[in-house]
PDB file of all heavy atoms in Angstrom:
ATOM      1  N   LEU A   1       0.827  -1.209   0.000  1.00  0.00           N
ATOM      2  CA  LEU A   1       0.000   0.000   0.000  1.00  0.00           C
ATOM      3  C   LEU A   1       0.862   1.260   0.000  1.00  0.00           C
ATOM      4  O   LEU A   1       0.586   2.224  -0.737  1.00  0.00           O
ATOM      5  CB  LEU A   1      -0.924   0.005   1.215  1.00  0.00           C
ATOM      6  CG  LEU A   1      -2.127  -0.939   1.193  1.00  0.00           C
ATOM      7  CD1 LEU A   1      -2.872  -0.862   2.517  1.00  0.00           C
ATOM      8  CD2 LEU A   1      -3.059  -0.617   0.022  1.00  0.00           C
ATOM      9  N   LEU A   2       1.894   1.268   0.825  1.00  0.00           N
ATOM     10  CA  LEU A   2       2.773   2.434   0.896  1.00  0.00           C
ATOM     11  C   LEU A   2       3.488   2.671  -0.430  1.00  0.00           C
ATOM     12  O   LEU A   2       3.643   3.820  -0.879  1.00  0.00           O
ATOM     13  CB  LEU A   2       3.790   2.268   2.020  1.00  0.00           C
ATOM     14  CG  LEU A   2       3.252   2.397   3.449  1.00  0.00           C
ATOM     15  CD1 LEU A   2       4.313   1.982   4.463  1.00  0.00           C
ATOM     16  CD2 LEU A   2       2.788   3.825   3.725  1.00  0.00           C
ATOM     17  N   ARG A   3       3.913   1.611  -1.075  1.00  0.00           N
ATOM     18  CA  ARG A   3       4.632   1.764  -2.339  1.00  0.00           C
ATOM     19  C   ARG A   3       3.709   2.284  -3.441  1.00  0.00           C
ATOM     20  O   ARG A   3       4.093   3.164  -4.224  1.00  0.00           O
ATOM     21  CB  ARG A   3       5.285   0.440  -2.741  1.00  0.00           C
ATOM     22  CG  ARG A   3       6.361  -0.029  -1.767  1.00  0.00           C
ATOM     23  CD  ARG A   3       7.188  -1.144  -2.352  1.00  0.00           C
ATOM     24  NE  ARG A   3       8.037  -0.634  -3.424  1.00  0.00           N
ATOM     25  CZ  ARG A   3       8.649  -1.394  -4.328  1.00  0.00           C
ATOM     26  NH1 ARG A   3       8.463  -2.704  -4.313  1.00  0.00           N
ATOM     27  NH2 ARG A   3       9.411  -0.859  -5.255  1.00  0.00           N
ATOM     28  N   VAL A   4       2.494   1.743  -3.520  1.00  0.00           N
ATOM     29  CA  VAL A   4       1.538   2.254  -4.507  1.00  0.00           C
ATOM     30  C   VAL A   4       1.195   3.712  -4.203  1.00  0.00           C
ATOM     31  O   VAL A   4       1.068   4.542  -5.113  1.00  0.00           O
ATOM     32  CB  VAL A   4       0.263   1.386  -4.523  1.00  0.00           C
ATOM     33  CG1 VAL A   4      -0.818   2.025  -5.387  1.00  0.00           C
ATOM     34  CG2 VAL A   4       0.583  -0.012  -5.033  1.00  0.00           C
ATOM     35  N   MET A   5       1.089   4.047  -2.946  1.00  0.00           N
ATOM     36  CA  MET A   5       0.765   5.411  -2.539  1.00  0.00           C
ATOM     37  C   MET A   5       1.870   6.387  -2.933  1.00  0.00           C
ATOM     38  O   MET A   5       1.605   7.480  -3.461  1.00  0.00           O
ATOM     39  CB  MET A   5       0.559   5.451  -1.021  1.00  0.00           C
ATOM     40  CG  MET A   5       0.248   6.820  -0.460  1.00  0.00           C
ATOM     41  SD  MET A   5       0.221   6.823   1.346  1.00  0.00           S
ATOM     42  CE  MET A   5       1.993   6.792   1.727  1.00  0.00           C
ATOM     43  N   LEU A   6       3.135   6.022  -2.711  1.00  0.00           N
ATOM     44  CA  LEU A   6       4.243   6.939  -2.962  1.00  0.00           C
ATOM     45  C   LEU A   6       4.653   6.984  -4.428  1.00  0.00           C
ATOM     46  O   LEU A   6       5.046   8.041  -4.933  1.00  0.00           O
ATOM     47  CB  LEU A   6       5.446   6.546  -2.107  1.00  0.00           C
ATOM     48  CG  LEU A   6       5.320   6.776  -0.598  1.00  0.00           C
ATOM     49  CD1 LEU A   6       6.490   6.160   0.147  1.00  0.00           C
ATOM     50  CD2 LEU A   6       5.214   8.269  -0.280  1.00  0.00           C
ATOM     51  N   VAL A   7       4.586   5.860  -5.116  1.00  0.00           N
ATOM     52  CA  VAL A   7       5.032   5.805  -6.512  1.00  0.00           C
ATOM     53  C   VAL A   7       3.930   6.290  -7.459  1.00  0.00           C
ATOM     54  O   VAL A   7       4.148   7.175  -8.288  1.00  0.00           O
ATOM     55  CB  VAL A   7       5.476   4.374  -6.878  1.00  0.00           C
ATOM     56  CG1 VAL A   7       5.802   4.275  -8.377  1.00  0.00           C
ATOM     57  CG2 VAL A   7       6.686   3.970  -6.043  1.00  0.00           C
ATOM     58  N   TYR A   8       2.755   5.712  -7.324  1.00  0.00           N
ATOM     59  CA  TYR A   8       1.651   6.008  -8.238  1.00  0.00           C
ATOM     60  C   TYR A   8       0.725   7.093  -7.711  1.00  0.00           C
ATOM     61  O   TYR A   8      -0.093   7.643  -8.456  1.00  0.00           O
ATOM     62  CB  TYR A   8       0.864   4.716  -8.485  1.00  0.00           C
ATOM     63  CG  TYR A   8      -0.335   4.880  -9.384  1.00  0.00           C
ATOM     64  CD1 TYR A   8      -0.180   5.198 -10.740  1.00  0.00           C
ATOM     65  CD2 TYR A   8      -1.619   4.698  -8.889  1.00  0.00           C
ATOM     66  CE1 TYR A   8      -1.294   5.341 -11.558  1.00  0.00           C
ATOM     67  CE2 TYR A   8      -2.735   4.837  -9.705  1.00  0.00           C
ATOM     68  CZ  TYR A   8      -2.559   5.163 -11.039  1.00  0.00           C
ATOM     69  OH  TYR A   8      -3.650   5.302 -11.851  1.00  0.00           O
ATOM     70  N   SER A   9       0.832   7.404  -6.430  1.00  0.00           N
ATOM     71  CA  SER A   9      -0.007   8.403  -5.772  1.00  0.00           C
ATOM     72  C   SER A   9      -1.464   7.951  -5.665  1.00  0.00           C
ATOM     73  O   SER A   9      -2.396   8.753  -5.782  1.00  0.00           O
ATOM     74  CB  SER A   9       0.065   9.754  -6.494  1.00  0.00           C
ATOM     75  OG  SER A   9      -0.288  10.810  -5.631  1.00  0.00           O
ATOM     76  N   GLY A  10      -1.670   6.649  -5.420  1.00  0.00           N
ATOM     77  CA  GLY A  10      -3.016   6.127  -5.271  1.00  0.00           C
ATOM     78  C   GLY A  10      -3.696   6.627  -4.006  1.00  0.00           C
ATOM     79  O   GLY A  10      -3.227   6.382  -2.892  1.00  0.00           O
ATOM     80  N   ASN A  11      -4.806   7.333  -4.179  1.00  0.00           N
ATOM     81  CA  ASN A  11      -5.499   7.898  -3.026  1.00  0.00           C
ATOM     82  C   ASN A  11      -6.193   6.822  -2.193  1.00  0.00           C
ATOM     83  O   ASN A  11      -6.301   6.946  -0.966  1.00  0.00           O
ATOM     84  CB  ASN A  11      -6.522   8.937  -3.495  1.00  0.00           C
ATOM     85  CG  ASN A  11      -5.850  10.160  -4.093  1.00  0.00           C
ATOM     86  OD1 ASN A  11      -4.826  10.613  -3.608  1.00  0.00           O
ATOM     87  ND2 ASN A  11      -6.419  10.674  -5.172  1.00  0.00           N
ATOM     88  N   ASP A  12      -6.673   5.762  -2.861  1.00  0.00           N
ATOM     89  CA  ASP A  12      -7.292   4.676  -2.095  1.00  0.00           C
ATOM     90  C   ASP A  12      -6.254   3.951  -1.244  1.00  0.00           C
ATOM     91  O   ASP A  12      -6.550   3.504  -0.124  1.00  0.00           O
ATOM     92  CB  ASP A  12      -8.023   3.706  -3.020  1.00  0.00           C
ATOM     93  CG  ASP A  12      -7.157   3.180  -4.160  1.00  0.00           C
ATOM     94  OD1 ASP A  12      -6.084   3.756  -4.428  1.00  0.00           O
ATOM     95  OD2 ASP A  12      -7.575   2.189  -4.808  1.00  0.00           O
ATOM     96  N   ALA A  13      -5.024   3.862  -1.737  1.00  0.00           N
ATOM     97  CA  ALA A  13      -3.954   3.259  -0.943  1.00  0.00           C
ATOM     98  C   ALA A  13      -3.679   4.096   0.300  1.00  0.00           C
ATOM     99  O   ALA A  13      -3.526   3.564   1.405  1.00  0.00           O
ATOM    100  CB  ALA A  13      -2.688   3.119  -1.788  1.00  0.00           C
ATOM    101  N   ALA A  14      -3.654   5.438   0.143  1.00  0.00           N
ATOM    102  CA  ALA A  14      -3.381   6.325   1.282  1.00  0.00           C
ATOM    103  C   ALA A  14      -4.458   6.197   2.348  1.00  0.00           C
ATOM    104  O   ALA A  14      -4.169   6.125   3.550  1.00  0.00           O
ATOM    105  CB  ALA A  14      -3.275   7.765   0.800  1.00  0.00           C
ATOM    106  N   GLU A  15      -5.728   6.180   1.923  1.00  0.00           N
ATOM    107  CA  GLU A  15      -6.813   6.095   2.900  1.00  0.00           C
ATOM    108  C   GLU A  15      -6.782   4.765   3.643  1.00  0.00           C
ATOM    109  O   GLU A  15      -7.020   4.710   4.853  1.00  0.00           O
ATOM    110  CB  GLU A  15      -8.162   6.299   2.214  1.00  0.00           C
ATOM    111  CG  GLU A  15      -9.308   6.357   3.201  1.00  0.00           C
ATOM    112  CD  GLU A  15     -10.533   7.059   2.626  1.00  0.00           C
ATOM    113  OE1 GLU A  15     -10.393   8.213   2.191  1.00  0.00           O
ATOM    114  OE2 GLU A  15     -11.606   6.445   2.625  1.00  0.00           O
ATOM    115  N   ASN A  16      -6.454   3.698   2.944  1.00  0.00           N
ATOM    116  CA  ASN A  16      -6.397   2.398   3.600  1.00  0.00           C
ATOM    117  C   ASN A  16      -5.166   2.247   4.490  1.00  0.00           C
ATOM    118  O   ASN A  16      -5.211   1.526   5.484  1.00  0.00           O
ATOM    119  CB  ASN A  16      -6.465   1.284   2.561  1.00  0.00           C
ATOM    120  CG  ASN A  16      -7.897   0.972   2.148  1.00  0.00           C
ATOM    121  OD1 ASN A  16      -8.626   0.312   2.872  1.00  0.00           O
ATOM    122  ND2 ASN A  16      -8.303   1.483   0.996  1.00  0.00           N
ATOM    123  N   VAL A  17      -4.077   2.924   4.154  1.00  0.00           N
ATOM    124  CA  VAL A  17      -2.937   2.976   5.067  1.00  0.00           C
ATOM    125  C   VAL A  17      -3.377   3.594   6.391  1.00  0.00           C
ATOM    126  O   VAL A  17      -3.107   3.071   7.475  1.00  0.00           O
ATOM    127  CB  VAL A  17      -1.766   3.788   4.455  1.00  0.00           C
ATOM    128  CG1 VAL A  17      -0.746   4.151   5.533  1.00  0.00           C
ATOM    129  CG2 VAL A  17      -1.081   3.001   3.339  1.00  0.00           C
ATOM    130  N   ALA A  18      -4.092   4.708   6.309  1.00  0.00           N
ATOM    131  CA  ALA A  18      -4.525   5.419   7.512  1.00  0.00           C
ATOM    132  C   ALA A  18      -5.426   4.552   8.381  1.00  0.00           C
ATOM    133  O   ALA A  18      -5.241   4.460   9.611  1.00  0.00           O
ATOM    134  CB  ALA A  18      -5.244   6.713   7.117  1.00  0.00           C
ATOM    135  N   ILE A  19      -6.408   3.903   7.765  1.00  0.00           N
ATOM    136  CA  ILE A  19      -7.370   3.117   8.538  1.00  0.00           C
ATOM    137  C   ILE A  19      -6.701   1.896   9.168  1.00  0.00           C
ATOM    138  O   ILE A  19      -6.961   1.558  10.339  1.00  0.00           O
ATOM    139  CB  ILE A  19      -8.551   2.695   7.644  1.00  0.00           C
ATOM    140  CG1 ILE A  19      -9.329   3.933   7.167  1.00  0.00           C
ATOM    141  CG2 ILE A  19      -9.475   1.737   8.384  1.00  0.00           C
ATOM    142  CD1 ILE A  19     -10.387   3.636   6.116  1.00  0.00           C
ATOM    143  N   ASN A  20      -5.826   1.237   8.429  1.00  0.00           N
ATOM    144  CA  ASN A  20      -5.176   0.033   8.952  1.00  0.00           C
ATOM    145  C   ASN A  20      -4.164   0.356  10.040  1.00  0.00           C
ATOM    146  O   ASN A  20      -3.920  -0.455  10.926  1.00  0.00           O
ATOM    147  CB  ASN A  20      -4.503  -0.739   7.819  1.00  0.00           C
ATOM    148  CG  ASN A  20      -5.471  -1.625   7.064  1.00  0.00           C
ATOM    149  OD1 ASN A  20      -5.693  -2.774   7.422  1.00  0.00           O
ATOM    150  ND2 ASN A  20      -6.082  -1.077   6.014  1.00  0.00           N
ATOM    151  N   VAL A  21      -3.561   1.536   9.997  1.00  0.00           N
ATOM    152  CA  VAL A  21      -2.561   1.908  11.010  1.00  0.00           C
ATOM    153  C   VAL A  21      -3.218   2.448  12.272  1.00  0.00           C
ATOM    154  O   VAL A  21      -2.847   2.070  13.390  1.00  0.00           O
ATOM    155  CB  VAL A  21      -1.564   2.939  10.433  1.00  0.00           C
ATOM    156  CG1 VAL A  21      -0.711   3.555  11.545  1.00  0.00           C
ATOM    157  CG2 VAL A  21      -0.659   2.278   9.392  1.00  0.00           C
ATOM    158  N   ALA A  22      -4.204   3.331  12.121  1.00  0.00           N
ATOM    159  CA  ALA A  22      -4.764   4.035  13.283  1.00  0.00           C
ATOM    160  C   ALA A  22      -6.201   3.671  13.613  1.00  0.00           C
ATOM    161  O   ALA A  22      -6.730   4.146  14.616  1.00  0.00           O
ATOM    162  CB  ALA A  22      -4.649   5.547  13.067  1.00  0.00           C
ATOM    163  N   GLY A  23      -6.844   2.870  12.790  1.00  0.00           N
ATOM    164  CA  GLY A  23      -8.221   2.476  13.070  1.00  0.00           C
ATOM    165  C   GLY A  23      -9.257   3.333  12.388  1.00  0.00           C
ATOM    166  O   GLY A  23     -10.373   2.886  12.129  1.00  0.00           O
ATOM    167  N   SER A  24      -8.890   4.586  12.104  1.00  0.00           N
ATOM    168  CA  SER A  24      -9.794   5.487  11.395  1.00  0.00           C
ATOM    169  C   SER A  24      -8.977   6.586  10.746  1.00  0.00           C
ATOM    170  O   SER A  24      -7.842   6.883  11.165  1.00  0.00           O
ATOM    171  CB  SER A  24     -10.822   6.115  12.345  1.00  0.00           C
ATOM    172  OG  SER A  24     -10.196   7.042  13.220  1.00  0.00           O
ATOM    173  N   GLU A  25      -9.559   7.199   9.725  1.00  0.00           N
ATOM    174  CA  GLU A  25      -8.869   8.288   9.050  1.00  0.00           C
ATOM    175  C   GLU A  25      -8.649   9.458  10.003  1.00  0.00           C
ATOM    176  O   GLU A  25      -7.580  10.070  10.019  1.00  0.00           O
ATOM    177  CB  GLU A  25      -9.673   8.739   7.829  1.00  0.00           C
ATOM    178  CG  GLU A  25      -9.012   9.866   7.051  1.00  0.00           C
ATOM    179  CD  GLU A  25      -9.801  10.269   5.823  1.00  0.00           C
ATOM    180  OE1 GLU A  25     -10.358   9.371   5.150  1.00  0.00           O
ATOM    181  OE2 GLU A  25      -9.869  11.480   5.539  1.00  0.00           O
ATOM    182  N   GLY A  26      -9.668   9.783  10.811  1.00  0.00           N
ATOM    183  CA  GLY A  26      -9.544  10.915  11.732  1.00  0.00           C
ATOM    184  C   GLY A  26      -8.428  10.737  12.733  1.00  0.00           C
ATOM    185  O   GLY A  26      -7.672  11.679  13.015  1.00  0.00           O
ATOM    186  N   ALA A  27      -8.312   9.538  13.303  1.00  0.00           N
ATOM    187  CA  ALA A  27      -7.255   9.284  14.272  1.00  0.00           C
ATOM    188  C   ALA A  27      -5.888   9.404  13.623  1.00  0.00           C
ATOM    189  O   ALA A  27      -4.935   9.932  14.215  1.00  0.00           O
ATOM    190  CB  ALA A  27      -7.425   7.895  14.885  1.00  0.00           C
ATOM    191  N   PHE A  28      -5.783   8.926  12.380  1.00  0.00           N
ATOM    192  CA  PHE A  28      -4.496   8.993  11.681  1.00  0.00           C
ATOM    193  C   PHE A  28      -4.120  10.438  11.370  1.00  0.00           C
ATOM    194  O   PHE A  28      -2.961  10.839  11.523  1.00  0.00           O
ATOM    195  CB  PHE A  28      -4.569   8.182  10.386  1.00  0.00           C
ATOM    196  CG  PHE A  28      -3.241   8.004   9.706  1.00  0.00           C
ATOM    197  CD1 PHE A  28      -2.404   6.950  10.029  1.00  0.00           C
ATOM    198  CD2 PHE A  28      -2.824   8.901   8.729  1.00  0.00           C
ATOM    199  CE1 PHE A  28      -1.179   6.786   9.412  1.00  0.00           C
ATOM    200  CE2 PHE A  28      -1.603   8.755   8.100  1.00  0.00           C
ATOM    201  CZ  PHE A  28      -0.778   7.687   8.447  1.00  0.00           C
ATOM    202  N   VAL A  29      -5.092  11.234  10.930  1.00  0.00           N
ATOM    203  CA  VAL A  29      -4.817  12.646  10.629  1.00  0.00           C
ATOM    204  C   VAL A  29      -4.329  13.374  11.881  1.00  0.00           C
ATOM    205  O   VAL A  29      -3.455  14.241  11.807  1.00  0.00           O
ATOM    206  CB  VAL A  29      -6.068  13.320  10.042  1.00  0.00           C
ATOM    207  CG1 VAL A  29      -5.894  14.832   9.971  1.00  0.00           C
ATOM    208  CG2 VAL A  29      -6.365  12.747   8.651  1.00  0.00           C
ATOM    209  N   GLY A  30      -4.867  13.013  13.038  1.00  0.00           N
ATOM    210  CA  GLY A  30      -4.372  13.601  14.278  1.00  0.00           C
ATOM    211  C   GLY A  30      -2.893  13.316  14.477  1.00  0.00           C
ATOM    212  O   GLY A  30      -2.127  14.193  14.912  1.00  0.00           O
ATOM    213  N   LEU A  31      -2.471  12.100  14.149  1.00  0.00           N
ATOM    214  CA  LEU A  31      -1.052  11.749  14.259  1.00  0.00           C
ATOM    215  C   LEU A  31      -0.213  12.523  13.251  1.00  0.00           C
ATOM    216  O   LEU A  31       0.929  12.897  13.544  1.00  0.00           O
ATOM    217  CB  LEU A  31      -0.879  10.246  14.034  1.00  0.00           C
ATOM    218  CG  LEU A  31      -1.537   9.319  15.053  1.00  0.00           C
ATOM    219  CD1 LEU A  31      -1.383   7.859  14.636  1.00  0.00           C
ATOM    220  CD2 LEU A  31      -0.939   9.542  16.439  1.00  0.00           C
ATOM    221  N   MET A  32      -0.776  12.779  12.085  1.00  0.00           N
ATOM    222  CA  MET A  32      -0.054  13.562  11.079  1.00  0.00           C
ATOM    223  C   MET A  32       0.211  14.982  11.574  1.00  0.00           C
ATOM    224  O   MET A  32       1.321  15.510  11.414  1.00  0.00           O
ATOM    225  CB  MET A  32      -0.866  13.611   9.774  1.00  0.00           C
ATOM    226  CG  MET A  32      -1.029  12.270   9.080  1.00  0.00           C
ATOM    227  SD  MET A  32      -2.152  12.362   7.660  1.00  0.00           S
ATOM    228  CE  MET A  32      -1.153  13.268   6.475  1.00  0.00           C
ATOM    229  N   ASN A  33      -0.777  15.589  12.188  1.00  0.00           N
ATOM    230  CA  ASN A  33      -0.593  16.950  12.687  1.00  0.00           C
ATOM    231  C   ASN A  33       0.361  16.998  13.883  1.00  0.00           C
ATOM    232  O   ASN A  33       1.118  17.957  14.046  1.00  0.00           O
ATOM    233  CB  ASN A  33      -1.950  17.564  13.040  1.00  0.00           C
ATOM    234  CG  ASN A  33      -2.736  17.952  11.808  1.00  0.00           C
ATOM    235  OD1 ASN A  33      -2.213  18.609  10.910  1.00  0.00           O
ATOM    236  ND2 ASN A  33      -3.990  17.540  11.734  1.00  0.00           N
ATOM    237  N   GLU A  34       0.328  15.960  14.701  1.00  0.00           N
ATOM    238  CA  GLU A  34       1.303  15.883  15.793  1.00  0.00           C
ATOM    239  C   GLU A  34       2.722  15.786  15.244  1.00  0.00           C
ATOM    240  O   GLU A  34       3.644  16.434  15.754  1.00  0.00           O
ATOM    241  CB  GLU A  34       1.003  14.669  16.681  1.00  0.00           C
ATOM    242  CG  GLU A  34      -0.237  14.808  17.546  1.00  0.00           C
ATOM    243  CD  GLU A  34      -0.490  13.565  18.375  1.00  0.00           C
ATOM    244  OE1 GLU A  34       0.419  12.697  18.455  1.00  0.00           O
ATOM    245  OE2 GLU A  34      -1.595  13.437  18.939  1.00  0.00           O
ATOM    246  N   LYS A  35       2.905  14.985  14.211  1.00  0.00           N
ATOM    247  CA  LYS A  35       4.227  14.838  13.593  1.00  0.00           C
ATOM    248  C   LYS A  35       4.685  16.150  12.978  1.00  0.00           C
ATOM    249  O   LYS A  35       5.867  16.522  13.082  1.00  0.00           O
ATOM    250  CB  LYS A  35       4.176  13.742  12.523  1.00  0.00           C
ATOM    251  CG  LYS A  35       5.514  13.436  11.871  1.00  0.00           C
ATOM    252  CD  LYS A  35       6.455  12.745  12.834  1.00  0.00           C
ATOM    253  CE  LYS A  35       7.729  12.312  12.137  1.00  0.00           C
ATOM    254  NZ  LYS A  35       8.664  11.627  13.063  1.00  0.00           N
ATOM    255  N   ALA A  36       3.773  16.862  12.341  1.00  0.00           N
ATOM    256  CA  ALA A  36       4.121  18.148  11.739  1.00  0.00           C
ATOM    257  C   ALA A  36       4.616  19.127  12.791  1.00  0.00           C
ATOM    258  O   ALA A  36       5.608  19.843  12.593  1.00  0.00           O
ATOM    259  CB  ALA A  36       2.913  18.722  10.996  1.00  0.00           C
ATOM    260  N   GLN A  37       3.935  19.168  13.934  1.00  0.00           N
ATOM    261  CA  GLN A  37       4.365  20.052  15.015  1.00  0.00           C
ATOM    262  C   GLN A  37       5.713  19.622  15.570  1.00  0.00           C
ATOM    263  O   GLN A  37       6.573  20.454  15.893  1.00  0.00           O
ATOM    264  CB  GLN A  37       3.310  20.056  16.128  1.00  0.00           C
ATOM    265  CG  GLN A  37       2.015  20.750  15.734  1.00  0.00           C
ATOM    266  CD  GLN A  37       2.245  22.204  15.345  1.00  0.00           C
ATOM    267  OE1 GLN A  37       2.825  22.975  16.107  1.00  0.00           O
ATOM    268  NE2 GLN A  37       1.805  22.567  14.150  1.00  0.00           N
ATOM    269  N   GLU A  38       5.903  18.320  15.674  1.00  0.00           N
ATOM    270  CA  GLU A  38       7.183  17.797  16.173  1.00  0.00           C
ATOM    271  C   GLU A  38       8.343  18.221  15.277  1.00  0.00           C
ATOM    272  O   GLU A  38       9.429  18.552  15.765  1.00  0.00           O
ATOM    273  CB  GLU A  38       7.112  16.265  16.225  1.00  0.00           C
ATOM    274  CG  GLU A  38       8.411  15.579  16.586  1.00  0.00           C
ATOM    275  CD  GLU A  38       8.332  14.081  16.373  1.00  0.00           C
ATOM    276  OE1 GLU A  38       7.251  13.487  16.618  1.00  0.00           O
ATOM    277  OE2 GLU A  38       9.337  13.481  15.932  1.00  0.00           O
ATOM    278  N   LEU A  39       8.113  18.256  13.970  1.00  0.00           N
ATOM    279  CA  LEU A  39       9.167  18.622  13.025  1.00  0.00           C
ATOM    280  C   LEU A  39       9.353  20.131  12.904  1.00  0.00           C
ATOM    281  O   LEU A  39      10.323  20.580  12.296  1.00  0.00           O
ATOM    282  CB  LEU A  39       8.851  18.041  11.641  1.00  0.00           C
ATOM    283  CG  LEU A  39       8.814  16.515  11.526  1.00  0.00           C
ATOM    284  CD1 LEU A  39       8.515  16.102  10.096  1.00  0.00           C
ATOM    285  CD2 LEU A  39      10.135  15.908  11.989  1.00  0.00           C
ATOM    286  N   GLY A  40       8.438  20.918  13.452  1.00  0.00           N
ATOM    287  CA  GLY A  40       8.539  22.372  13.336  1.00  0.00           C
ATOM    288  C   GLY A  40       7.870  22.924  12.096  1.00  0.00           C
ATOM    289  O   GLY A  40       8.201  24.032  11.658  1.00  0.00           O
ATOM    290  N   MET A  41       6.920  22.186  11.540  1.00  0.00           N
ATOM    291  CA  MET A  41       6.177  22.656  10.369  1.00  0.00           C
ATOM    292  C   MET A  41       5.039  23.556  10.852  1.00  0.00           C
ATOM    293  O   MET A  41       3.883  23.147  10.962  1.00  0.00           O
ATOM    294  CB  MET A  41       5.666  21.453   9.570  1.00  0.00           C
ATOM    295  CG  MET A  41       6.778  20.570   9.041  1.00  0.00           C
ATOM    296  SD  MET A  41       6.189  19.007   8.304  1.00  0.00           S
ATOM    297  CE  MET A  41       5.268  19.588   6.881  1.00  0.00           C
ATOM    298  N   GLU A  42       5.356  24.801  11.124  1.00  0.00           N
ATOM    299  CA  GLU A  42       4.449  25.707  11.823  1.00  0.00           C
ATOM    300  C   GLU A  42       3.302  26.213  10.951  1.00  0.00           C
ATOM    301  O   GLU A  42       2.296  26.695  11.474  1.00  0.00           O
ATOM    302  CB  GLU A  42       5.242  26.880  12.389  1.00  0.00           C
ATOM    303  CG  GLU A  42       6.284  26.470  13.432  1.00  0.00           C
ATOM    304  CD  GLU A  42       7.059  27.646  13.967  1.00  0.00           C
ATOM    305  OE1 GLU A  42       6.862  28.772  13.452  1.00  0.00           O
ATOM    306  OE2 GLU A  42       7.869  27.448  14.895  1.00  0.00           O
ATOM    307  N   ASN A  43       3.460  26.146   9.634  1.00  0.00           N
ATOM    308  CA  ASN A  43       2.423  26.649   8.738  1.00  0.00           C
ATOM    309  C   ASN A  43       1.767  25.517   7.961  1.00  0.00           C
ATOM    310  O   ASN A  43       1.397  25.684   6.796  1.00  0.00           O
ATOM    311  CB  ASN A  43       3.024  27.670   7.765  1.00  0.00           C
ATOM    312  CG  ASN A  43       3.365  28.968   8.462  1.00  0.00           C
ATOM    313  OD1 ASN A  43       2.507  29.604   9.062  1.00  0.00           O
ATOM    314  ND2 ASN A  43       4.630  29.347   8.422  1.00  0.00           N
TER     315      ASN A  43
END
């Protein structure tokens, strides 16, 4: 799923990565924003 997502940019692969990793898209997006803050991506 990750390879199809990064190489081909498959949106269905990305959504299924999120659900399988975090249980839901919303929970996964929360982790994405936490990671962004951790890296200093302020905008």
